[in-house]
Protein backbone atom coordinates (compact mmCIF):
# COMPACT_ATOMS: atom_id res chain seq x y z
CA MET A 1 -57.21 53.83 -132.90
CA THR A 2 -59.98 51.45 -131.83
CA ALA A 3 -62.95 50.32 -133.88
CA SER A 4 -65.05 53.17 -132.51
CA GLY A 5 -62.58 55.71 -133.86
CA SER A 6 -61.50 56.81 -130.37
CA THR A 7 -58.30 56.23 -128.43
CA ALA A 8 -60.05 54.06 -125.84
CA TYR A 9 -58.71 50.92 -124.19
CA PRO A 10 -56.42 49.31 -126.82
CA LYS A 11 -57.16 45.68 -125.88
CA ARG A 12 -60.92 45.64 -125.51
CA ALA A 13 -62.93 42.68 -126.84
CA ILE A 14 -66.46 41.37 -127.05
CA VAL A 15 -66.65 37.68 -126.18
CA LEU A 16 -69.73 35.67 -127.10
CA LEU A 17 -70.47 33.56 -124.04
CA SER A 18 -73.15 30.88 -124.29
CA GLY A 19 -72.35 29.21 -120.98
CA GLY A 20 -70.95 26.12 -122.68
CA LEU A 21 -67.53 24.52 -122.66
CA ASP A 22 -66.19 26.16 -125.83
CA SER A 23 -67.22 29.73 -125.08
CA ALA A 24 -65.88 29.50 -121.51
CA THR A 25 -62.52 28.43 -122.94
CA VAL A 26 -62.55 31.32 -125.40
CA LEU A 27 -63.24 33.84 -122.63
CA ALA A 28 -60.33 32.42 -120.62
CA MET A 29 -58.08 32.72 -123.68
CA ALA A 30 -59.08 36.31 -124.32
CA VAL A 31 -58.43 37.25 -120.69
CA ALA A 32 -55.07 35.47 -120.78
CA HIS A 33 -54.10 37.49 -123.86
CA GLY A 34 -54.67 40.73 -121.97
CA PHE A 35 -58.05 41.76 -123.36
CA GLU A 36 -60.54 43.68 -121.30
CA CYS A 37 -63.52 41.45 -121.97
CA TYR A 38 -67.16 42.36 -122.43
CA ALA A 39 -69.07 39.07 -122.34
CA LEU A 40 -72.27 38.82 -124.37
CA SER A 41 -74.89 36.10 -123.94
CA VAL A 42 -78.08 35.93 -125.96
CA HIS A 43 -81.48 34.60 -124.95
CA TYR A 44 -82.77 33.66 -128.39
CA GLY A 45 -85.65 31.42 -127.38
CA GLN A 46 -83.60 28.31 -126.60
CA ARG A 47 -85.27 25.46 -124.73
CA HIS A 48 -83.71 26.22 -121.37
CA SER A 49 -82.08 29.06 -119.46
CA ALA A 50 -79.55 26.86 -117.65
CA GLU A 51 -76.78 27.85 -120.05
CA LEU A 52 -77.47 31.54 -119.44
CA ASP A 53 -77.23 30.97 -115.69
CA ALA A 54 -73.92 29.21 -116.35
CA ALA A 55 -72.73 32.14 -118.49
CA ARG A 56 -73.30 34.55 -115.60
CA ARG A 57 -71.21 32.39 -113.29
CA ILE A 58 -68.44 31.96 -115.85
CA ALA A 59 -68.24 35.68 -116.67
CA THR A 60 -67.76 36.48 -112.99
CA ALA A 61 -65.30 33.66 -112.34
CA LEU A 62 -63.10 34.50 -115.34
CA GLY A 63 -63.04 38.24 -114.74
CA ALA A 64 -65.11 39.74 -117.54
CA ARG A 65 -65.32 43.53 -117.27
CA GLU A 66 -69.05 43.36 -117.99
CA HIS A 67 -71.60 40.68 -118.85
CA ARG A 68 -74.82 41.39 -120.71
CA VAL A 69 -77.70 39.15 -121.74
CA MET A 70 -79.55 40.38 -124.83
CA GLY A 71 -82.77 38.95 -126.20
CA VAL A 72 -83.80 37.99 -129.74
CA ASP A 73 -86.80 35.81 -130.61
CA LEU A 74 -85.44 33.07 -132.85
CA ALA A 75 -88.16 30.82 -131.44
CA GLY A 76 -90.50 32.99 -133.50
CA ILE A 77 -88.71 31.71 -136.61
CA GLY A 78 -88.60 28.11 -135.45
CA GLY A 79 -87.06 25.44 -137.62
CA SER A 80 -84.80 24.03 -134.92
CA ALA A 81 -85.05 21.48 -132.14
CA LEU A 82 -83.34 24.00 -129.89
CA THR A 83 -86.09 26.62 -130.25
CA ASP A 84 -89.20 24.56 -131.02
CA PRO A 85 -90.30 22.17 -128.23
CA SER A 86 -92.36 20.19 -130.72
CA VAL A 87 -89.18 19.09 -132.53
CA GLY A 88 -87.30 16.38 -130.68
CA VAL A 89 -83.57 16.60 -129.99
CA PRO A 90 -81.87 13.60 -131.67
CA GLU A 91 -80.34 11.16 -129.21
CA THR A 92 -78.50 9.13 -131.85
CA GLN A 93 -75.88 10.31 -134.30
CA VAL A 94 -77.33 11.65 -137.55
CA THR A 95 -75.87 12.33 -140.98
CA GLY A 96 -75.96 15.77 -142.56
CA ILE A 97 -76.89 18.97 -140.76
CA PRO A 98 -79.02 17.99 -137.74
CA VAL A 99 -82.30 19.57 -136.60
CA THR A 100 -80.39 21.22 -133.73
CA TYR A 101 -79.07 23.73 -136.27
CA VAL A 102 -80.62 27.13 -135.49
CA PRO A 103 -81.18 29.17 -138.69
CA ALA A 104 -78.99 32.30 -138.79
CA ARG A 105 -77.96 31.97 -135.12
CA ASN A 106 -74.25 32.73 -135.45
CA THR A 107 -74.95 35.52 -137.95
CA MET A 108 -77.28 37.08 -135.41
CA LEU A 109 -74.92 36.54 -132.46
CA LEU A 110 -71.98 38.10 -134.28
CA SER A 111 -74.14 41.01 -135.46
CA LEU A 112 -75.10 41.84 -131.87
CA ALA A 113 -71.47 41.52 -130.83
CA LEU A 114 -70.42 43.79 -133.69
CA GLY A 115 -72.89 46.47 -132.64
CA TRP A 116 -71.69 46.39 -129.04
CA ALA A 117 -68.06 46.36 -130.19
CA GLU A 118 -68.61 49.56 -132.16
CA VAL A 119 -70.18 51.25 -129.14
CA VAL A 120 -67.53 50.28 -126.55
CA GLY A 121 -64.57 50.64 -128.88
CA ALA A 122 -63.59 46.97 -129.18
CA ALA A 123 -61.68 45.94 -132.28
CA ASP A 124 -61.86 42.21 -131.50
CA ILE A 125 -64.81 39.84 -131.28
CA PHE A 126 -64.21 36.35 -129.89
CA VAL A 127 -66.47 33.43 -130.75
CA GLY A 128 -66.16 29.75 -129.82
CA VAL A 129 -67.05 28.13 -133.14
CA ASN A 130 -65.33 24.86 -134.00
CA ALA A 131 -65.08 23.02 -137.31
CA VAL A 132 -63.46 19.78 -136.08
CA ASP A 133 -65.50 18.13 -133.30
CA TYR A 134 -68.85 19.71 -134.11
CA SER A 135 -72.30 18.92 -135.51
CA GLY A 136 -71.71 20.15 -139.06
CA TYR A 137 -73.35 23.56 -138.73
CA PRO A 138 -72.54 25.77 -141.75
CA ASP A 139 -72.01 28.87 -139.58
CA CYS A 140 -69.15 27.22 -137.67
CA ARG A 141 -66.84 27.00 -140.69
CA PRO A 142 -63.76 29.17 -141.37
CA GLU A 143 -65.41 30.42 -144.58
CA PHE A 144 -68.28 31.89 -142.59
CA ILE A 145 -65.98 33.61 -140.10
CA ALA A 146 -63.89 35.11 -142.92
CA ALA A 147 -67.01 36.32 -144.73
CA PHE A 148 -68.43 37.96 -141.61
CA GLU A 149 -65.13 39.68 -140.91
CA ARG A 150 -65.24 41.19 -144.40
CA LEU A 151 -68.79 42.33 -143.69
CA THR A 152 -67.69 44.31 -140.62
CA GLY A 153 -65.84 46.79 -142.82
CA LEU A 154 -68.95 47.46 -144.89
CA ALA A 155 -71.69 47.39 -142.29
CA THR A 156 -70.37 49.79 -139.64
CA LYS A 157 -69.61 53.47 -139.31
CA ALA A 158 -66.27 52.55 -137.76
CA GLY A 159 -65.38 50.32 -140.71
CA VAL A 160 -66.31 52.93 -143.29
CA GLU A 161 -64.15 55.45 -141.42
CA GLY A 162 -61.11 53.19 -141.61
CA ALA A 163 -61.16 51.10 -138.44
CA SER A 164 -61.01 47.32 -138.66
CA PHE A 165 -62.55 44.49 -136.67
CA LYS A 166 -61.06 41.05 -136.13
CA ILE A 167 -63.28 38.03 -135.61
CA GLN A 168 -61.24 35.79 -133.34
CA ALA A 169 -62.13 32.09 -133.53
CA PRO A 170 -59.24 30.45 -131.67
CA LEU A 171 -60.93 27.04 -131.35
CA ILE A 172 -61.95 26.61 -134.96
CA ALA A 173 -59.30 24.00 -135.86
CA MET A 174 -58.93 22.37 -132.43
CA SER A 175 -60.25 19.00 -131.33
CA LYS A 176 -62.57 18.92 -128.32
CA ALA A 177 -59.81 17.26 -126.31
CA ASP A 178 -57.35 20.02 -127.20
CA ILE A 179 -59.93 22.66 -126.25
CA ILE A 180 -60.46 21.03 -122.87
CA ARG A 181 -56.72 20.74 -122.22
CA ALA A 182 -56.21 24.40 -123.13
CA GLY A 183 -59.02 25.54 -120.86
CA ALA A 184 -57.83 23.37 -117.99
CA GLU A 185 -54.38 24.95 -118.23
CA LEU A 186 -56.06 28.37 -117.99
CA GLY A 187 -58.00 27.34 -114.91
CA VAL A 188 -61.47 26.98 -116.44
CA ASP A 189 -63.83 25.14 -114.08
CA TYR A 190 -65.82 23.07 -116.55
CA ALA A 191 -68.23 22.03 -113.80
CA MET A 192 -69.75 25.50 -114.20
CA THR A 193 -70.46 25.04 -117.91
CA VAL A 194 -73.61 23.66 -119.55
CA SER A 195 -73.37 22.13 -123.04
CA CYS A 196 -76.42 19.84 -123.21
CA TYR A 197 -79.04 20.65 -125.85
CA GLN A 198 -81.81 19.62 -123.44
CA ALA A 199 -80.37 20.43 -120.04
CA ALA A 200 -82.64 20.43 -117.01
CA ALA A 201 -83.37 23.68 -115.18
CA ASP A 202 -80.53 22.95 -112.76
CA GLY A 203 -78.09 22.34 -115.62
CA THR A 204 -77.90 18.56 -115.41
CA ALA A 205 -77.22 16.99 -118.79
CA CYS A 206 -79.07 14.28 -120.71
CA GLY A 207 -75.90 12.45 -121.72
CA LYS A 208 -77.52 11.43 -125.02
CA CYS A 209 -77.59 14.43 -127.38
CA ASP A 210 -74.85 15.25 -129.87
CA SER A 211 -73.40 17.98 -127.68
CA CYS A 212 -73.21 15.66 -124.67
CA ARG A 213 -71.54 12.93 -126.75
CA LEU A 214 -68.92 15.33 -128.13
CA ARG A 215 -68.24 16.74 -124.66
CA ALA A 216 -67.88 13.33 -123.00
CA ALA A 217 -65.62 12.07 -125.79
CA GLY A 218 -63.48 15.19 -125.42
CA PHE A 219 -62.86 14.66 -121.72
CA ALA A 220 -62.09 10.99 -122.35
CA ALA A 221 -59.61 11.84 -125.12
CA ALA A 222 -58.02 14.56 -122.98
CA GLN A 223 -57.70 12.02 -120.15
CA LEU A 224 -59.26 14.44 -117.71
CA PRO A 225 -62.19 13.86 -115.33
CA ASP A 226 -65.56 14.82 -116.77
CA PRO A 227 -67.27 17.11 -114.23
CA THR A 228 -70.58 17.11 -116.09
CA ARG A 229 -73.62 16.32 -113.95
CA TYR A 230 -75.73 13.78 -115.84
CA ARG A 231 -79.30 12.90 -114.97
């Protein structure tokens, strides 16, 4: 029985798809494992829409059954360089949790995915969080993923009625280089992805922010060409 309590498609999954390198790899992994994938992107008030444009291309290229873009106004909360244009994106490495952390973002993203999963009968939710080569965000840690998975059994009709959800975070213990190698083997075209925190409208990257540095270092360590378009 699926999470919705029906006998619907037994390998259906929601995949959170930001348009970046990690989430594209996760979608490719889910497809390779035989899941019928419903890709979910969220416009939460981020600085640019280039990553959402990239998500649309990736969802089509990797064969998602459906791709939806939902909207939530996290810019109304503020508190992050990614949602407040008055806060600068750091271009040098910082200690501690950087100002690019978006308060409650992954909690919100997973909550939307959980709601859609319950409606379409998906027992699995895939998310591209990583706790190795990352910026130190608290909602990218294994403890957070485990806690949210426990929540799914309490917060949903399906969970109360005995179904279970699995939060799949296949990249969580992988280096950026290992992620890139895995995606390359699955045929991911990383030229389509946008990772930069302050990408231009056409998706070109700054090459200076933390996300750009981690991405470039990953391609170098993987010994694969970096297809990123830098400005």
